[in-house]
Amino acid sequence: MQDLYGRAFHEKLAQQDLKFSREIPANERRVARGELPLYIPDSLTSLLELKGLPVKFIAPKEGLPYVGYDLALLKNAPHPNAARLLMEYYLGKTMQQNLARLGLLPTTADALTGVDPAVAQIETTKLLGTTDPERMNEMLSLAQQIYR
């Protein structure tokens, strides 16, 4: 979000008396009860749990931030074929459909068949970007300066 919106955006956002908490499910319920006006960022894994509550998950037109999950085969791994089989399993359609049903983004759109339409619609939203390990400390430091 820093690259897209810049520091001025974050400074204006910080002036709105934001509350910070790592209690994600509790914060979502606080929005539903009217204690908080909004909650960012949220997790798609909560979308179905919030169904029927007076909340709305909004995907910004600029895209959704996301956390990437990587698979890797280490050099000289003791059982490389087992690792390859595990990676193939994770990338296979069945596992991708299961991940999509949980609200996690699948690697391909065809994994969205059989997924709740509300979840599938959000999961096809444009992606904004993810964290950059090379810049993580810099961004955390900047966030601490702005949001105190």
C-alpha atoms as a PDB file:
ATOM      1  CA  MET A   1       0.000   0.000   0.000  1.00  0.00           C
ATOM      2  CA  GLN A   2       2.934   2.314   0.608  1.00  0.00           C
ATOM      3  CA  ASP A   3       4.100   2.043  -2.991  1.00  0.00           C
ATOM      4  CA  LEU A   4       0.600   2.624  -4.381  1.00  0.00           C
ATOM      5  CA  TYR A   5      -0.693   5.364  -2.088  1.00  0.00           C
ATOM      6  CA  GLY A   6       2.414   6.933  -0.570  1.00  0.00           C
ATOM      7  CA  ARG A   7       3.158   8.357   2.841  1.00  0.00           C
ATOM      8  CA  ALA A   8       0.590  11.197   2.689  1.00  0.00           C
ATOM      9  CA  PHE A   9      -2.257   8.660   2.408  1.00  0.00           C
ATOM     10  CA  HIS A  10      -1.020   6.771   5.455  1.00  0.00           C
ATOM     11  CA  GLU A  11      -0.559   9.959   7.461  1.00  0.00           C
ATOM     12  CA  LYS A  12      -4.185  10.949   6.753  1.00  0.00           C
ATOM     13  CA  LEU A  13      -5.347   7.431   7.630  1.00  0.00           C
ATOM     14  CA  ALA A  14      -3.391   7.580  10.898  1.00  0.00           C
ATOM     15  CA  GLN A  15      -5.299  10.748  11.899  1.00  0.00           C
ATOM     16  CA  GLN A  16      -8.546   8.756  12.059  1.00  0.00           C
ATOM     17  CA  ASP A  17      -7.921   7.278  15.523  1.00  0.00           C
ATOM     18  CA  LEU A  18      -7.190   3.769  14.283  1.00  0.00           C
ATOM     19  CA  LYS A  19      -7.138   0.817  16.668  1.00  0.00           C
ATOM     20  CA  PHE A  20      -4.531  -1.893  16.225  1.00  0.00           C
ATOM     21  CA  SER A  21      -5.093  -5.443  17.382  1.00  0.00           C
ATOM     22  CA  ARG A  22      -4.055  -8.926  16.335  1.00  0.00           C
ATOM     23  CA  GLU A  23      -7.327 -10.476  17.488  1.00  0.00           C
ATOM     24  CA  ILE A  24      -8.717 -10.875  13.979  1.00  0.00           C
ATOM     25  CA  PRO A  25     -11.957 -12.790  14.741  1.00  0.00           C
ATOM     26  CA  ALA A  26     -12.732 -10.488  17.691  1.00  0.00           C
ATOM     27  CA  ASN A  27     -12.177  -7.389  15.532  1.00  0.00           C
ATOM     28  CA  GLU A  28     -14.511  -8.662  12.837  1.00  0.00           C
ATOM     29  CA  ARG A  29     -17.206  -9.162  15.465  1.00  0.00           C
ATOM     30  CA  ARG A  30     -16.513  -5.674  16.845  1.00  0.00           C
ATOM     31  CA  VAL A  31     -17.312  -4.264  13.390  1.00  0.00           C
ATOM     32  CA  ALA A  32     -20.503  -6.336  13.273  1.00  0.00           C
ATOM     33  CA  ARG A  33     -21.529  -4.927  16.689  1.00  0.00           C
ATOM     34  CA  GLY A  34     -20.802  -1.370  15.545  1.00  0.00           C
ATOM     35  CA  GLU A  35     -17.849  -0.868  17.911  1.00  0.00           C
ATOM     36  CA  LEU A  36     -15.475  -0.246  15.004  1.00  0.00           C
ATOM     37  CA  PRO A  37     -16.391   1.386  11.669  1.00  0.00           C
ATOM     38  CA  LEU A  38     -14.069  -0.829   9.611  1.00  0.00           C
ATOM     39  CA  TYR A  39     -11.329  -3.394   9.857  1.00  0.00           C
ATOM     40  CA  ILE A  40      -8.297  -3.596   7.567  1.00  0.00           C
ATOM     41  CA  PRO A  41      -6.771  -5.808   6.460  1.00  0.00           C
ATOM     42  CA  ASP A  42      -9.176  -8.690   6.782  1.00  0.00           C
ATOM     43  CA  SER A  43      -8.812 -12.308   5.780  1.00  0.00           C
ATOM     44  CA  LEU A  44     -10.880 -14.050   3.137  1.00  0.00           C
ATOM     45  CA  THR A  45     -10.922 -17.104   5.395  1.00  0.00           C
ATOM     46  CA  SER A  46     -13.489 -15.259   7.543  1.00  0.00           C
ATOM     47  CA  LEU A  47     -15.879 -14.411   4.735  1.00  0.00           C
ATOM     48  CA  LEU A  48     -18.233 -17.351   5.261  1.00  0.00           C
ATOM     49  CA  GLU A  49     -18.140 -17.028   9.058  1.00  0.00           C
ATOM     50  CA  LEU A  50     -19.339 -13.429   8.729  1.00  0.00           C
ATOM     51  CA  LYS A  51     -22.210 -14.329   6.403  1.00  0.00           C
ATOM     52  CA  GLY A  52     -25.489 -13.031   7.806  1.00  0.00           C
ATOM     53  CA  LEU A  53     -23.836 -10.433  10.038  1.00  0.00           C
ATOM     54  CA  PRO A  54     -24.192  -6.708   9.292  1.00  0.00           C
ATOM     55  CA  VAL A  55     -20.766  -6.460   7.670  1.00  0.00           C
ATOM     56  CA  LYS A  56     -19.616  -6.286   4.086  1.00  0.00           C
ATOM     57  CA  PHE A  57     -16.279  -7.424   2.741  1.00  0.00           C
ATOM     58  CA  ILE A  58     -15.080  -4.856   0.214  1.00  0.00           C
ATOM     59  CA  ALA A  59     -12.361  -5.579  -2.314  1.00  0.00           C
ATOM     60  CA  PRO A  60     -10.698  -2.300  -3.301  1.00  0.00           C
ATOM     61  CA  LYS A  61     -10.622  -1.626  -7.054  1.00  0.00           C
ATOM     62  CA  GLU A  62      -6.836  -1.271  -6.729  1.00  0.00           C
ATOM     63  CA  GLY A  63      -6.643  -4.906  -5.632  1.00  0.00           C
ATOM     64  CA  LEU A  64      -6.284  -7.102  -2.572  1.00  0.00           C
ATOM     65  CA  PRO A  65      -3.043  -7.382  -0.640  1.00  0.00           C
ATOM     66  CA  TYR A  66      -2.074 -10.990  -0.065  1.00  0.00           C
ATOM     67  CA  VAL A  67       0.423 -13.252   1.625  1.00  0.00           C
ATOM     68  CA  GLY A  68       2.197 -15.658  -0.667  1.00  0.00           C
ATOM     69  CA  TYR A  69       2.865 -19.274   0.203  1.00  0.00           C
ATOM     70  CA  ASP A  70       5.889 -20.819  -1.449  1.00  0.00           C
ATOM     71  CA  LEU A  71       6.936 -24.381  -2.082  1.00  0.00           C
ATOM     72  CA  ALA A  72      10.579 -25.248  -2.549  1.00  0.00           C
ATOM     73  CA  LEU A  73      12.767 -28.278  -2.974  1.00  0.00           C
ATOM     74  CA  LEU A  74      15.978 -27.899  -1.018  1.00  0.00           C
ATOM     75  CA  LYS A  75      19.273 -28.800  -2.635  1.00  0.00           C
ATOM     76  CA  ASN A  76      20.449 -32.235  -1.450  1.00  0.00           C
ATOM     77  CA  ALA A  77      17.138 -32.930   0.298  1.00  0.00           C
ATOM     78  CA  PRO A  78      17.126 -36.435   1.814  1.00  0.00           C
ATOM     79  CA  HIS A  79      13.900 -37.439  -0.002  1.00  0.00           C
ATOM     80  CA  PRO A  80      13.513 -35.205  -3.078  1.00  0.00           C
ATOM     81  CA  ASN A  81      10.861 -37.392  -4.712  1.00  0.00           C
ATOM     82  CA  ALA A  82       8.678 -37.211  -1.593  1.00  0.00           C
ATOM     83  CA  ALA A  83       9.053 -33.426  -1.655  1.00  0.00           C
ATOM     84  CA  ARG A  84       8.046 -33.327  -5.325  1.00  0.00           C
ATOM     85  CA  LEU A  85       4.985 -35.469  -4.596  1.00  0.00           C
ATOM     86  CA  LEU A  86       3.969 -33.140  -1.776  1.00  0.00           C
ATOM     87  CA  MET A  87       4.375 -30.095  -4.035  1.00  0.00           C
ATOM     88  CA  GLU A  88       2.328 -31.767  -6.780  1.00  0.00           C
ATOM     89  CA  TYR A  89      -0.372 -32.545  -4.208  1.00  0.00           C
ATOM     90  CA  TYR A  90      -0.514 -28.920  -3.042  1.00  0.00           C
ATOM     91  CA  LEU A  91      -0.671 -27.631  -6.610  1.00  0.00           C
ATOM     92  CA  GLY A  92      -3.262 -30.220  -7.689  1.00  0.00           C
ATOM     93  CA  LYS A  93      -6.885 -29.312  -8.359  1.00  0.00           C
ATOM     94  CA  THR A  94      -8.321 -31.051  -5.284  1.00  0.00           C
ATOM     95  CA  MET A  95      -6.066 -29.237  -2.830  1.00  0.00           C
ATOM     96  CA  GLN A  96      -6.476 -25.931  -4.680  1.00  0.00           C
ATOM     97  CA  GLN A  97     -10.275 -26.306  -4.459  1.00  0.00           C
ATOM     98  CA  ASN A  98     -10.001 -27.042  -0.734  1.00  0.00           C
ATOM     99  CA  LEU A  99      -7.840 -23.953  -0.226  1.00  0.00           C
ATOM    100  CA  ALA A 100     -10.299 -21.845  -2.248  1.00  0.00           C
ATOM    101  CA  ARG A 101     -13.220 -23.099  -0.134  1.00  0.00           C
ATOM    102  CA  LEU A 102     -11.317 -21.929   2.958  1.00  0.00           C
ATOM    103  CA  GLY A 103     -10.940 -18.462   1.466  1.00  0.00           C
ATOM    104  CA  LEU A 104      -7.321 -18.838   0.393  1.00  0.00           C
ATOM    105  CA  LEU A 105      -6.446 -17.816  -3.144  1.00  0.00           C
ATOM    106  CA  PRO A 106      -5.950 -20.794  -5.442  1.00  0.00           C
ATOM    107  CA  THR A 107      -3.225 -20.881  -8.073  1.00  0.00           C
ATOM    108  CA  THR A 108      -5.759 -21.185 -10.910  1.00  0.00           C
ATOM    109  CA  ALA A 109      -9.289 -19.880 -11.451  1.00  0.00           C
ATOM    110  CA  ASP A 110     -10.587 -23.348 -12.425  1.00  0.00           C
ATOM    111  CA  ALA A 111     -10.156 -24.333  -8.764  1.00  0.00           C
ATOM    112  CA  LEU A 112     -13.087 -22.032  -7.950  1.00  0.00           C
ATOM    113  CA  THR A 113     -15.705 -24.506  -9.183  1.00  0.00           C
ATOM    114  CA  GLY A 114     -17.837 -25.610  -6.238  1.00  0.00           C
ATOM    115  CA  VAL A 115     -16.758 -22.665  -4.086  1.00  0.00           C
ATOM    116  CA  ASP A 116     -19.363 -20.426  -2.431  1.00  0.00           C
ATOM    117  CA  PRO A 117     -20.141 -17.688  -5.009  1.00  0.00           C
ATOM    118  CA  ALA A 118     -19.429 -14.877  -2.511  1.00  0.00           C
ATOM    119  CA  VAL A 119     -15.970 -16.318  -1.857  1.00  0.00           C
ATOM    120  CA  ALA A 120     -15.297 -17.037  -5.530  1.00  0.00           C
ATOM    121  CA  GLN A 121     -16.210 -13.470  -6.516  1.00  0.00           C
ATOM    122  CA  ILE A 122     -13.735 -11.976  -4.031  1.00  0.00           C
ATOM    123  CA  GLU A 123     -11.062 -14.534  -4.984  1.00  0.00           C
ATOM    124  CA  THR A 124     -11.133 -13.362  -8.596  1.00  0.00           C
ATOM    125  CA  THR A 125     -10.385  -9.766  -7.568  1.00  0.00           C
ATOM    126  CA  LYS A 126      -7.242  -8.136  -8.881  1.00  0.00           C
ATOM    127  CA  LEU A 127      -4.257  -8.604  -6.572  1.00  0.00           C
ATOM    128  CA  LEU A 128      -2.465  -5.572  -5.167  1.00  0.00           C
ATOM    129  CA  GLY A 129       0.766  -7.149  -4.047  1.00  0.00           C
ATOM    130  CA  THR A 130       2.449  -8.787  -1.115  1.00  0.00           C
ATOM    131  CA  THR A 131       5.258  -8.143   1.295  1.00  0.00           C
ATOM    132  CA  ASP A 132       8.842  -7.857   0.107  1.00  0.00           C
ATOM    133  CA  PRO A 133      11.252  -9.530   2.546  1.00  0.00           C
ATOM    134  CA  GLU A 134      14.017  -7.169   1.413  1.00  0.00           C
ATOM    135  CA  ARG A 135      11.942  -4.142   2.508  1.00  0.00           C
ATOM    136  CA  MET A 136      10.123  -5.601   5.528  1.00  0.00           C
ATOM    137  CA  ASN A 137      12.184  -3.809   8.209  1.00  0.00           C
ATOM    138  CA  GLU A 138      12.022  -0.518   6.310  1.00  0.00           C
ATOM    139  CA  MET A 139       8.222  -0.745   5.974  1.00  0.00           C
ATOM    140  CA  LEU A 140       7.719  -1.744   9.622  1.00  0.00           C
ATOM    141  CA  SER A 141       9.857   1.190  10.728  1.00  0.00           C
ATOM    142  CA  LEU A 142       7.862   3.567   8.521  1.00  0.00           C
ATOM    143  CA  ALA A 143       4.566   2.194   9.857  1.00  0.00           C
ATOM    144  CA  GLN A 144       5.768   2.742  13.428  1.00  0.00           C
ATOM    145  CA  GLN A 145       6.651   6.360  12.605  1.00  0.00           C
ATOM    146  CA  ILE A 146       3.289   7.059  10.977  1.00  0.00           C
ATOM    147  CA  TYR A 147       0.874   5.038  13.120  1.00  0.00           C
ATOM    148  CA  ARG A 148       2.737   5.183  16.489  1.00  0.00           C
END
